Structure formats: structure tokens, C-alpha cells
Amino acid sequence: MNMQNTDMICAKYGSQIAVELNKSEESLVNKSLGVLQEDGVYAFFLFLAAQSKGNNSTPAYCIHTNIFDLLKDFFPSIKKHLATQEEDILSIIRDNLAEDLNDLFLSRDIIERTMIYARYHLKAKKAKEGQ
């Protein structure tokens, strides 16, 4: 997969996250991005699971599932899994990405890029609706 394709896939998922969230939920995107940058991929998913509190209609759950779908596009070892609960996603991340350090770093980079796109899409949405 070349860099352009990677960037466009991240942009697609970032846009999708922004469409599914309200403009006021930019702070959740920022907090999630901060957890990812400071503590890593597993902590990112754990933070979102804690924020969703088992409720499938929360903004955190929206981010959680979209990012998991993003990872399925990049990693064949994850693509074969159909996760339905946070614990399933956490164990899939732990068991599949922890094995290869390169995969872990790549996943962190693509999640970060996607979340940055989501943040900018939400900022654009806020600016557009503010006019």
C-alpha cells in the first residue's frame, strides 16, 4: 500500500467519524488523540471503551468501531475478526498488533492521522454551521 492510498483511507475514515459525531464532540476526538499519542494504541481503545460505558450509541463507540474498521483495512490478521463488544476489540488489538512492532507503530500512525482528519472535519463542520 503506497502513502497516497494510506492517506486517502485515513481521510475517508476521519470524514466518516466527523459525519457521525456532533460538532461539540471535538473534545472527545482531542482527548482520544492525546491518549493515543501519550499511551499508545491499546490505551486508546481502552479509553474509548471506558467512555462508551457499554452503550453502542455513544460518540466514543462511534470512534471505537470506525477505527477498528480502519485497522481491518490495513491488517489481514485483524480483518478476519468480527468483534461485537469492546472486550473483543481489546483482545483482538492486544493479540494481533502486539506481535509485530512494525504493525503496532503503523497502526498508531494511521489512527493518529485518521483522528487528526476527524478533528479538522469537525472544525470545518463547526465553522460552516457557525456562519
N, C-alpha and C. Protein backbone atom coordinates (compact mmCIF):
# COMPACT_ATOMS: atom_id res chain seq x y z
N MET A 1 0.85 -1.17 0.00
CA MET A 1 0.00 0.00 0.00
C MET A 1 0.90 1.24 0.00
N ASN A 2 0.71 2.12 -0.97
CA ASN A 2 1.57 3.30 -1.01
C ASN A 2 1.02 4.41 -0.12
N MET A 3 1.83 5.45 0.07
CA MET A 3 1.49 6.52 1.01
C MET A 3 0.20 7.25 0.62
N GLN A 4 -0.02 7.45 -0.66
CA GLN A 4 -1.24 8.15 -1.09
C GLN A 4 -2.47 7.34 -0.72
N ASN A 5 -2.45 6.06 -0.96
CA ASN A 5 -3.58 5.23 -0.60
C ASN A 5 -3.82 5.24 0.90
N THR A 6 -2.76 5.16 1.67
CA THR A 6 -2.86 5.20 3.12
C THR A 6 -3.52 6.50 3.57
N ASP A 7 -3.05 7.60 3.04
CA ASP A 7 -3.60 8.90 3.42
C ASP A 7 -5.07 9.02 3.04
N MET A 8 -5.45 8.54 1.89
CA MET A 8 -6.84 8.64 1.46
C MET A 8 -7.75 7.74 2.29
N ILE A 9 -7.27 6.60 2.68
CA ILE A 9 -8.06 5.72 3.55
C ILE A 9 -8.26 6.39 4.91
N CYS A 10 -7.21 6.98 5.45
CA CYS A 10 -7.33 7.69 6.72
C CYS A 10 -8.29 8.87 6.60
N ALA A 11 -8.20 9.58 5.49
CA ALA A 11 -9.11 10.71 5.26
C ALA A 11 -10.56 10.24 5.19
N LYS A 12 -10.78 9.12 4.54
CA LYS A 12 -12.14 8.58 4.44
C LYS A 12 -12.72 8.27 5.81
N TYR A 13 -11.95 7.58 6.63
CA TYR A 13 -12.43 7.22 7.96
C TYR A 13 -12.54 8.44 8.87
N GLY A 14 -11.63 9.39 8.74
CA GLY A 14 -11.73 10.62 9.52
C GLY A 14 -12.98 11.39 9.19
N SER A 15 -13.29 11.46 7.91
CA SER A 15 -14.51 12.13 7.47
C SER A 15 -15.74 11.41 7.99
N GLN A 16 -15.72 10.10 7.92
CA GLN A 16 -16.86 9.29 8.38
C GLN A 16 -17.11 9.50 9.88
N ILE A 17 -16.04 9.54 10.65
CA ILE A 17 -16.17 9.79 12.09
C ILE A 17 -16.82 11.16 12.32
N ALA A 18 -16.35 12.17 11.61
CA ALA A 18 -16.89 13.53 11.77
C ALA A 18 -18.35 13.61 11.38
N VAL A 19 -18.75 12.88 10.36
CA VAL A 19 -20.15 12.87 9.94
C VAL A 19 -21.04 12.28 11.03
N GLU A 20 -20.53 11.26 11.70
CA GLU A 20 -21.32 10.57 12.73
C GLU A 20 -21.32 11.28 14.08
N LEU A 21 -20.42 12.24 14.27
CA LEU A 21 -20.34 12.97 15.54
C LEU A 21 -20.95 14.36 15.40
N ASN A 22 -21.33 14.91 16.54
CA ASN A 22 -21.75 16.30 16.58
C ASN A 22 -20.52 17.18 16.66
N LYS A 23 -20.65 18.42 16.21
CA LYS A 23 -19.50 19.33 16.23
C LYS A 23 -19.01 19.58 17.65
N SER A 24 -19.88 19.42 18.64
CA SER A 24 -19.49 19.65 20.04
C SER A 24 -18.61 18.53 20.59
N GLU A 25 -18.47 17.44 19.86
CA GLU A 25 -17.71 16.29 20.33
C GLU A 25 -16.25 16.32 19.89
N GLU A 26 -15.81 17.48 19.45
CA GLU A 26 -14.41 17.65 19.07
C GLU A 26 -13.49 17.39 20.26
N SER A 27 -13.95 17.71 21.47
CA SER A 27 -13.10 17.49 22.66
C SER A 27 -12.84 16.00 22.88
N LEU A 28 -13.81 15.15 22.59
CA LEU A 28 -13.59 13.71 22.71
C LEU A 28 -12.55 13.24 21.70
N VAL A 29 -12.60 13.78 20.51
CA VAL A 29 -11.61 13.44 19.48
C VAL A 29 -10.22 13.88 19.96
N ASN A 30 -10.13 15.09 20.52
CA ASN A 30 -8.84 15.59 21.01
C ASN A 30 -8.32 14.76 22.18
N LYS A 31 -9.20 14.42 23.11
CA LYS A 31 -8.78 13.59 24.25
C LYS A 31 -8.32 12.21 23.78
N SER A 32 -9.06 11.62 22.85
CA SER A 32 -8.70 10.30 22.32
C SER A 32 -7.34 10.35 21.64
N LEU A 33 -7.14 11.40 20.86
CA LEU A 33 -5.86 11.58 20.17
C LEU A 33 -4.72 11.75 21.17
N GLY A 34 -4.97 12.48 22.25
CA GLY A 34 -3.97 12.65 23.30
C GLY A 34 -3.60 11.34 23.97
N VAL A 35 -4.60 10.51 24.24
CA VAL A 35 -4.35 9.20 24.84
C VAL A 35 -3.51 8.35 23.89
N LEU A 36 -3.87 8.36 22.62
CA LEU A 36 -3.10 7.61 21.62
C LEU A 36 -1.64 8.06 21.60
N GLN A 37 -1.42 9.36 21.55
CA GLN A 37 -0.07 9.89 21.45
C GLN A 37 0.75 9.65 22.71
N GLU A 38 0.13 9.74 23.85
CA GLU A 38 0.85 9.58 25.12
C GLU A 38 1.01 8.13 25.56
N ASP A 39 -0.03 7.32 25.32
CA ASP A 39 -0.06 5.98 25.91
C ASP A 39 -0.16 4.82 24.92
N GLY A 40 -0.46 5.09 23.67
CA GLY A 40 -0.44 4.04 22.68
C GLY A 40 -1.80 3.53 22.24
N VAL A 41 -1.75 2.57 21.34
CA VAL A 41 -2.93 2.04 20.66
C VAL A 41 -3.89 1.34 21.63
N TYR A 42 -3.36 0.46 22.45
CA TYR A 42 -4.23 -0.28 23.37
C TYR A 42 -4.93 0.67 24.34
N ALA A 43 -4.19 1.65 24.88
CA ALA A 43 -4.78 2.63 25.79
C ALA A 43 -5.86 3.46 25.08
N PHE A 44 -5.64 3.76 23.82
CA PHE A 44 -6.63 4.49 23.01
C PHE A 44 -7.95 3.72 22.98
N PHE A 45 -7.89 2.44 22.65
CA PHE A 45 -9.11 1.64 22.59
C PHE A 45 -9.72 1.46 23.98
N LEU A 46 -8.90 1.32 24.99
CA LEU A 46 -9.38 1.16 26.36
C LEU A 46 -10.08 2.44 26.83
N PHE A 47 -9.50 3.58 26.51
CA PHE A 47 -10.11 4.88 26.84
C PHE A 47 -11.49 5.01 26.19
N LEU A 48 -11.58 4.67 24.92
CA LEU A 48 -12.86 4.79 24.22
C LEU A 48 -13.89 3.80 24.77
N ALA A 49 -13.44 2.61 25.14
CA ALA A 49 -14.35 1.63 25.75
C ALA A 49 -14.89 2.17 27.07
N ALA A 50 -14.02 2.79 27.85
CA ALA A 50 -14.45 3.36 29.14
C ALA A 50 -15.42 4.52 28.92
N GLN A 51 -15.18 5.30 27.90
CA GLN A 51 -16.06 6.44 27.61
C GLN A 51 -17.44 6.00 27.11
N SER A 52 -17.48 4.89 26.40
CA SER A 52 -18.77 4.43 25.86
C SER A 52 -19.61 3.71 26.90
N LYS A 53 -18.98 3.21 27.96
CA LYS A 53 -19.67 2.55 29.07
C LYS A 53 -20.64 1.48 28.60
N GLY A 54 -20.25 0.74 27.57
CA GLY A 54 -21.08 -0.34 27.07
C GLY A 54 -22.27 0.09 26.23
N ASN A 55 -22.40 1.39 25.99
CA ASN A 55 -23.53 1.92 25.21
C ASN A 55 -23.09 2.07 23.76
N ASN A 56 -23.74 1.38 22.85
CA ASN A 56 -23.36 1.38 21.44
C ASN A 56 -23.76 2.63 20.68
N SER A 57 -24.43 3.57 21.35
CA SER A 57 -24.86 4.78 20.64
C SER A 57 -24.08 6.02 21.07
N THR A 58 -22.98 5.84 21.77
CA THR A 58 -22.19 6.99 22.22
C THR A 58 -21.19 7.42 21.15
N PRO A 59 -20.74 8.67 21.23
CA PRO A 59 -19.70 9.13 20.30
C PRO A 59 -18.41 8.30 20.43
N ALA A 60 -18.07 7.91 21.65
CA ALA A 60 -16.85 7.11 21.84
C ALA A 60 -16.97 5.77 21.12
N TYR A 61 -18.14 5.16 21.17
CA TYR A 61 -18.33 3.88 20.49
C TYR A 61 -18.22 4.07 18.97
N CYS A 62 -18.71 5.19 18.47
CA CYS A 62 -18.60 5.50 17.04
C CYS A 62 -17.13 5.55 16.63
N ILE A 63 -16.32 6.25 17.39
CA ILE A 63 -14.89 6.34 17.09
C ILE A 63 -14.25 4.95 17.19
N HIS A 64 -14.56 4.26 18.24
CA HIS A 64 -14.04 2.92 18.53
C HIS A 64 -14.26 1.98 17.35
N THR A 65 -15.48 1.91 16.87
CA THR A 65 -15.80 0.96 15.78
C THR A 65 -15.23 1.42 14.44
N ASN A 66 -15.24 2.71 14.18
CA ASN A 66 -14.67 3.21 12.92
C ASN A 66 -13.17 2.96 12.85
N ILE A 67 -12.48 3.17 13.96
CA ILE A 67 -11.03 2.94 13.97
C ILE A 67 -10.73 1.44 13.87
N PHE A 68 -11.55 0.63 14.49
CA PHE A 68 -11.36 -0.82 14.36
C PHE A 68 -11.55 -1.23 12.90
N ASP A 69 -12.56 -0.68 12.23
CA ASP A 69 -12.77 -0.96 10.81
C ASP A 69 -11.59 -0.48 9.97
N LEU A 70 -11.03 0.68 10.33
CA LEU A 70 -9.84 1.18 9.65
C LEU A 70 -8.70 0.17 9.75
N LEU A 71 -8.47 -0.34 10.94
CA LEU A 71 -7.39 -1.31 11.13
C LEU A 71 -7.64 -2.59 10.33
N LYS A 72 -8.88 -2.97 10.17
CA LYS A 72 -9.20 -4.14 9.35
C LYS A 72 -8.75 -3.94 7.91
N ASP A 73 -8.84 -2.69 7.42
CA ASP A 73 -8.41 -2.39 6.05
C ASP A 73 -6.89 -2.56 5.88
N PHE A 74 -6.14 -2.42 6.95
CA PHE A 74 -4.68 -2.46 6.87
C PHE A 74 -4.06 -3.79 7.27
N PHE A 75 -4.69 -4.50 8.17
CA PHE A 75 -4.06 -5.68 8.76
C PHE A 75 -4.90 -6.94 8.55
N PRO A 76 -4.41 -7.86 7.72
CA PRO A 76 -5.15 -9.10 7.46
C PRO A 76 -5.43 -9.91 8.73
N SER A 77 -4.55 -9.85 9.70
CA SER A 77 -4.76 -10.62 10.93
C SER A 77 -5.96 -10.10 11.72
N ILE A 78 -6.30 -8.85 11.54
CA ILE A 78 -7.46 -8.26 12.22
C ILE A 78 -8.72 -8.40 11.37
N LYS A 79 -8.55 -8.35 10.06
CA LYS A 79 -9.70 -8.38 9.15
C LYS A 79 -10.58 -9.60 9.34
N LYS A 80 -10.00 -10.72 9.71
CA LYS A 80 -10.77 -11.94 9.84
C LYS A 80 -11.67 -11.95 11.08
N HIS A 81 -11.47 -11.01 11.99
CA HIS A 81 -12.24 -10.98 13.23
C HIS A 81 -13.49 -10.13 13.10
N LEU A 82 -14.56 -10.62 13.62
CA LEU A 82 -15.79 -9.86 13.71
C LEU A 82 -16.03 -9.57 15.19
N ALA A 83 -15.64 -8.41 15.62
CA ALA A 83 -15.78 -8.05 17.03
C ALA A 83 -17.12 -7.36 17.25
N THR A 84 -17.78 -7.74 18.31
CA THR A 84 -19.08 -7.15 18.61
C THR A 84 -19.10 -6.41 19.94
N GLN A 85 -18.12 -6.63 20.78
CA GLN A 85 -18.07 -5.97 22.07
C GLN A 85 -16.69 -5.35 22.26
N GLU A 86 -16.65 -4.36 23.19
CA GLU A 86 -15.37 -3.70 23.46
C GLU A 86 -14.29 -4.71 23.86
N GLU A 87 -14.65 -5.66 24.71
CA GLU A 87 -13.66 -6.63 25.18
C GLU A 87 -13.11 -7.45 24.01
N ASP A 88 -13.97 -7.77 23.05
CA ASP A 88 -13.50 -8.49 21.87
C ASP A 88 -12.48 -7.65 21.10
N ILE A 89 -12.79 -6.38 20.90
CA ILE A 89 -11.88 -5.50 20.17
C ILE A 89 -10.57 -5.35 20.92
N LEU A 90 -10.65 -5.18 22.23
CA LEU A 90 -9.42 -5.04 23.03
C LEU A 90 -8.55 -6.28 22.93
N SER A 91 -9.14 -7.45 23.00
CA SER A 91 -8.34 -8.68 22.91
C SER A 91 -7.79 -8.87 21.50
N ILE A 92 -8.53 -8.50 20.49
CA ILE A 92 -8.05 -8.60 19.12
C ILE A 92 -6.86 -7.67 18.90
N ILE A 93 -6.96 -6.44 19.40
CA ILE A 93 -5.86 -5.49 19.29
C ILE A 93 -4.64 -6.02 20.04
N ARG A 94 -4.86 -6.46 21.25
CA ARG A 94 -3.76 -6.96 22.09
C ARG A 94 -3.09 -8.18 21.47
N ASP A 95 -3.88 -9.09 20.96
CA ASP A 95 -3.34 -10.35 20.46
C ASP A 95 -2.75 -10.25 19.05
N ASN A 96 -3.21 -9.30 18.25
CA ASN A 96 -2.76 -9.25 16.86
C ASN A 96 -1.74 -8.17 16.57
N LEU A 97 -1.83 -7.03 17.22
CA LEU A 97 -0.88 -5.97 16.92
C LEU A 97 0.37 -6.03 17.79
N ALA A 98 0.26 -6.66 18.94
CA ALA A 98 1.40 -6.72 19.86
C ALA A 98 2.51 -7.64 19.36
N GLU A 99 2.19 -8.52 18.44
CA GLU A 99 3.16 -9.49 17.95
C GLU A 99 4.24 -8.87 17.08
N ASP A 100 3.91 -7.82 16.37
CA ASP A 100 4.85 -7.22 15.42
C ASP A 100 4.96 -5.73 15.72
N LEU A 101 6.14 -5.30 16.12
CA LEU A 101 6.36 -3.90 16.49
C LEU A 101 6.09 -2.96 15.31
N ASN A 102 6.44 -3.38 14.11
CA ASN A 102 6.17 -2.55 12.93
C ASN A 102 4.67 -2.34 12.73
N ASP A 103 3.88 -3.40 12.92
CA ASP A 103 2.43 -3.27 12.81
C ASP A 103 1.88 -2.33 13.87
N LEU A 104 2.43 -2.42 15.07
CA LEU A 104 1.97 -1.57 16.15
C LEU A 104 2.26 -0.10 15.84
N PHE A 105 3.46 0.19 15.35
CA PHE A 105 3.80 1.57 15.01
C PHE A 105 2.98 2.07 13.81
N LEU A 106 2.78 1.20 12.82
CA LEU A 106 1.96 1.59 11.67
C LEU A 106 0.53 1.88 12.13
N SER A 107 -0.02 1.03 12.97
CA SER A 107 -1.39 1.24 13.43
C SER A 107 -1.50 2.57 14.20
N ARG A 108 -0.51 2.86 15.01
CA ARG A 108 -0.52 4.13 15.75
C ARG A 108 -0.51 5.31 14.78
N ASP A 109 0.31 5.23 13.76
CA ASP A 109 0.40 6.32 12.78
C ASP A 109 -0.89 6.51 12.01
N ILE A 110 -1.50 5.43 11.56
CA ILE A 110 -2.72 5.59 10.77
C ILE A 110 -3.91 6.02 11.64
N ILE A 111 -3.94 5.57 12.88
CA ILE A 111 -5.00 6.02 13.79
C ILE A 111 -4.82 7.51 14.06
N GLU A 112 -3.60 7.92 14.32
CA GLU A 112 -3.32 9.33 14.59
C GLU A 112 -3.73 10.19 13.39
N ARG A 113 -3.34 9.78 12.21
CA ARG A 113 -3.69 10.55 11.01
C ARG A 113 -5.20 10.62 10.84
N THR A 114 -5.88 9.53 11.07
CA THR A 114 -7.34 9.48 10.94
C THR A 114 -8.02 10.40 11.95
N MET A 115 -7.54 10.37 13.18
CA MET A 115 -8.14 11.21 14.22
C MET A 115 -7.87 12.70 13.96
N ILE A 116 -6.72 13.00 13.38
CA ILE A 116 -6.44 14.39 13.01
C ILE A 116 -7.39 14.84 11.91
N TYR A 117 -7.62 13.98 10.92
CA TYR A 117 -8.60 14.31 9.89
C TYR A 117 -9.99 14.48 10.48
N ALA A 118 -10.37 13.63 11.41
CA ALA A 118 -11.68 13.75 12.06
C ALA A 118 -11.79 15.10 12.78
N ARG A 119 -10.72 15.48 13.47
CA ARG A 119 -10.72 16.76 14.18
C ARG A 119 -10.90 17.92 13.21
N TYR A 120 -10.18 17.91 12.11
CA TYR A 120 -10.30 19.00 11.15
C TYR A 120 -11.67 19.01 10.45
N HIS A 121 -12.21 17.85 10.20
CA HIS A 121 -13.57 17.79 9.64
C HIS A 121 -14.59 18.38 10.62
N LEU A 122 -14.43 18.08 11.90
CA LEU A 122 -15.33 18.65 12.90
C LEU A 122 -15.16 20.16 13.01
N LYS A 123 -13.93 20.66 12.91
CA LYS A 123 -13.68 22.10 12.92
C LYS A 123 -14.35 22.76 11.71
N ALA A 124 -14.25 22.12 10.56
CA ALA A 124 -14.88 22.65 9.36
C ALA A 124 -16.41 22.64 9.49
N LYS A 125 -16.92 21.58 10.07
CA LYS A 125 -18.37 21.49 10.30
C LYS A 125 -18.84 22.60 11.22
N LYS A 126 -18.06 22.85 12.28
CA LYS A 126 -18.39 23.91 13.24
C LYS A 126 -18.34 25.27 12.55
N ALA A 127 -17.33 25.51 11.74
CA ALA A 127 -17.19 26.80 11.05
C ALA A 127 -18.33 27.00 10.06
N LYS A 128 -18.68 25.94 9.35
CA LYS A 128 -19.76 26.03 8.36
C LYS A 128 -21.10 26.30 9.02
N GLU A 129 -21.38 25.63 10.11
CA GLU A 129 -22.66 25.81 10.79
C GLU A 129 -22.70 27.11 11.59
N GLY A 130 -21.53 27.65 11.91
CA GLY A 130 -21.46 28.92 12.65
C GLY A 130 -21.75 30.11 11.79
N GLN A 131 -21.69 29.95 10.49
CA GLN A 131 -21.92 31.10 9.58
C GLN A 131 -23.37 31.35 9.34
